[in-house]
Amino acid sequence: MLLSPYRHIACALILFSPYCFANDSPPLPLGAVLDDKGQPLLIPTQPKTALSYTPVKQTKTTRVSQPSKPKSKAKTKKVSRKQQLASRKKVANDAGCRWLHSRMTLLEKNVSLGINHRNMHLQQELNARQDEWECLKCGIEGPNQSDHHSCQYRR
């Protein structure tokens, strides 16, 4: 309670100090922006991109055609259906076949490091997956609806 008159006086001094009424800066025009030091910033009138890219124009190059070599008329050997089933050069458009192909590729990679008593199971799984590949016809057209159940690898 004793400080209350002094508090009112201190507030009055702060409010009516000459610094409150001093206005030494000119008023800002509309659209002006100041930086952190009070200096005006220039605002561009036209939009400008941060990245400008101009594609390189390609010139036409003339290719000199070389005389083509005569194609050999060697007969291509017909591949039997059984060989097509076992081949993994082509993968049928089936999710199970794509997974099976990647799994067999991984197993082949691991088996190529060498077979010993610790990784003998990898060769066994690879053999089972090869049988599943042939049963599902993943090398030709892919499995039928009933093939999934009958061809599934069982442990």
Protein backbone atom coordinates (compact mmCIF):
# COMPACT_ATOMS: atom_id res chain seq x y z
CA MET A 1 0.00 0.00 0.00
CA LEU A 2 2.87 2.33 0.64
CA LEU A 3 4.17 1.88 -2.86
CA SER A 4 0.89 2.63 -4.59
CA PRO A 5 1.43 6.44 -4.91
CA TYR A 6 4.91 5.85 -6.24
CA ARG A 7 3.59 3.34 -8.71
CA HIS A 8 1.16 5.88 -10.13
CA ILE A 9 3.92 8.45 -10.45
CA ALA A 10 6.23 5.99 -12.22
CA CYS A 11 3.51 5.07 -14.70
CA ALA A 12 2.77 8.72 -15.38
CA LEU A 13 6.43 9.47 -16.03
CA ILE A 14 6.72 6.62 -18.47
CA LEU A 15 3.56 7.54 -20.34
CA PHE A 16 4.30 11.24 -20.62
CA SER A 17 8.01 11.02 -21.30
CA PRO A 18 9.39 12.98 -24.26
CA TYR A 19 10.38 9.74 -26.00
CA CYS A 20 6.74 8.74 -26.33
CA PHE A 21 5.88 11.92 -28.18
CA ALA A 22 9.02 12.09 -30.29
CA ASN A 23 8.29 11.19 -33.88
CA ASP A 24 11.55 11.73 -35.71
CA SER A 25 10.75 9.34 -38.60
CA PRO A 26 8.59 10.47 -41.50
CA PRO A 27 5.37 8.56 -42.03
CA LEU A 28 5.60 5.58 -44.36
CA PRO A 29 3.79 5.64 -47.68
CA LEU A 30 1.35 2.85 -48.43
CA GLY A 31 3.00 -0.35 -49.58
CA ALA A 32 6.38 0.43 -47.95
CA VAL A 33 8.20 -2.29 -46.07
CA LEU A 34 11.12 -1.87 -43.67
CA ASP A 35 13.85 -4.33 -42.83
CA ASP A 36 15.15 -5.11 -39.32
CA LYS A 37 17.27 -1.92 -39.31
CA GLY A 38 14.46 0.38 -40.38
CA GLN A 39 15.64 0.74 -43.95
CA PRO A 40 13.03 0.51 -46.74
CA LEU A 41 12.97 -2.67 -48.80
CA LEU A 42 12.36 -2.57 -52.52
CA ILE A 43 9.43 -4.71 -53.61
CA PRO A 44 9.69 -5.88 -57.23
CA THR A 45 6.82 -4.85 -59.44
CA GLN A 46 7.02 -7.87 -61.75
CA PRO A 47 7.11 -11.44 -60.48
CA LYS A 48 10.43 -13.16 -60.97
CA THR A 49 11.09 -16.87 -60.73
CA ALA A 50 13.87 -18.24 -58.60
CA LEU A 51 14.79 -20.81 -61.23
CA SER A 52 15.10 -20.05 -64.89
CA TYR A 53 15.66 -22.92 -67.29
CA THR A 54 16.17 -22.84 -71.01
CA PRO A 55 16.34 -26.20 -72.76
CA VAL A 56 19.28 -26.94 -74.98
CA LYS A 57 18.27 -27.01 -78.59
CA GLN A 58 19.32 -30.19 -80.27
CA THR A 59 20.65 -30.03 -83.74
CA LYS A 60 19.77 -32.67 -86.23
CA THR A 61 22.58 -35.05 -86.87
CA THR A 62 22.67 -37.08 -89.98
CA ARG A 63 23.47 -40.68 -89.48
CA VAL A 64 25.49 -42.46 -92.03
CA SER A 65 23.90 -45.81 -92.51
CA GLN A 66 26.33 -48.64 -92.61
CA PRO A 67 25.68 -51.47 -94.97
CA SER A 68 23.76 -54.08 -93.06
CA LYS A 69 25.33 -57.44 -92.61
CA PRO A 70 23.50 -60.29 -94.19
CA LYS A 71 21.53 -62.11 -91.55
CA SER A 72 22.44 -65.69 -91.05
CA LYS A 73 19.66 -68.06 -91.77
CA ALA A 74 20.47 -70.30 -88.86
CA LYS A 75 17.42 -72.09 -87.60
CA THR A 76 16.35 -71.22 -84.12
CA LYS A 77 15.68 -74.28 -82.08
CA LYS A 78 12.13 -74.62 -80.90
CA VAL A 79 11.88 -74.80 -77.14
CA SER A 80 9.55 -77.45 -75.80
CA ARG A 81 6.74 -76.63 -73.39
CA LYS A 82 8.53 -78.42 -70.57
CA GLN A 83 11.63 -76.31 -71.17
CA GLN A 84 9.50 -73.14 -71.25
CA LEU A 85 7.95 -74.11 -67.91
CA ALA A 86 11.38 -74.58 -66.31
CA SER A 87 12.94 -71.47 -67.89
CA ARG A 88 13.03 -68.24 -65.90
CA LYS A 89 13.87 -65.93 -68.81
CA LYS A 90 10.27 -64.80 -68.92
CA VAL A 91 8.08 -64.26 -65.85
CA ALA A 92 4.29 -64.44 -66.09
CA ASN A 93 2.29 -61.37 -65.10
CA ASP A 94 1.27 -62.69 -61.70
CA ALA A 95 2.23 -61.37 -58.27
CA GLY A 96 3.01 -64.86 -56.97
CA CYS A 97 5.26 -65.57 -59.94
CA ARG A 98 7.12 -62.29 -59.53
CA TRP A 99 7.70 -63.01 -55.84
CA LEU A 100 8.77 -66.57 -56.59
CA HIS A 101 11.23 -65.32 -59.23
CA SER A 102 12.84 -62.84 -56.82
CA ARG A 103 12.98 -65.47 -54.05
CA MET A 104 14.65 -67.98 -56.34
CA THR A 105 17.14 -65.35 -57.50
CA LEU A 106 18.05 -64.62 -53.88
CA LEU A 107 18.39 -68.32 -53.09
CA GLU A 108 20.60 -68.87 -56.14
CA LYS A 109 22.82 -66.01 -55.07
CA ASN A 110 23.21 -67.45 -51.56
CA VAL A 111 23.75 -71.01 -52.82
CA SER A 112 26.43 -69.84 -55.26
CA LEU A 113 28.59 -68.91 -52.29
CA GLY A 114 28.97 -72.61 -51.57
CA ILE A 115 26.95 -75.32 -49.91
CA ASN A 116 27.93 -76.54 -46.48
CA HIS A 117 26.09 -77.99 -43.52
CA ARG A 118 24.91 -74.51 -42.42
CA ASN A 119 23.21 -73.48 -45.64
CA MET A 120 22.13 -76.83 -47.05
CA HIS A 121 18.52 -75.82 -46.38
CA LEU A 122 18.86 -73.07 -49.02
CA GLN A 123 19.52 -75.64 -51.77
CA GLN A 124 16.55 -77.70 -50.57
CA GLU A 125 14.28 -74.67 -50.65
CA LEU A 126 15.58 -73.71 -54.11
CA ASN A 127 14.69 -77.19 -55.42
CA ALA A 128 11.22 -76.94 -53.89
CA ARG A 129 10.71 -73.45 -55.36
CA GLN A 130 11.80 -74.70 -58.80
CA ASP A 131 9.11 -77.41 -58.61
CA GLU A 132 6.58 -74.78 -57.54
CA TRP A 133 7.69 -72.57 -60.48
CA GLU A 134 7.02 -75.36 -62.97
CA CYS A 135 3.71 -76.35 -61.35
CA LEU A 136 2.43 -72.75 -61.38
CA LYS A 137 3.50 -72.35 -65.04
CA CYS A 138 5.26 -69.07 -64.18
CA GLY A 139 7.54 -69.38 -67.21
CA ILE A 140 4.68 -69.32 -69.73
CA GLU A 141 1.20 -68.02 -68.97
CA GLY A 142 0.94 -68.09 -65.20
CA PRO A 143 -1.15 -70.10 -62.78
CA ASN A 144 -4.81 -70.95 -62.96
CA GLN A 145 -7.07 -70.33 -59.99
CA SER A 146 -6.84 -73.94 -58.80
CA ASP A 147 -3.04 -74.16 -59.23
CA HIS A 148 -2.24 -72.09 -56.14
CA HIS A 149 -3.55 -74.69 -53.72
CA SER A 150 -2.09 -77.73 -55.40
CA CYS A 151 1.33 -76.20 -56.16
CA GLN A 152 2.02 -74.45 -52.88
CA TYR A 153 5.36 -75.25 -51.24
CA ARG A 154 4.77 -77.10 -47.98
CA ARG A 155 7.43 -77.42 -45.35
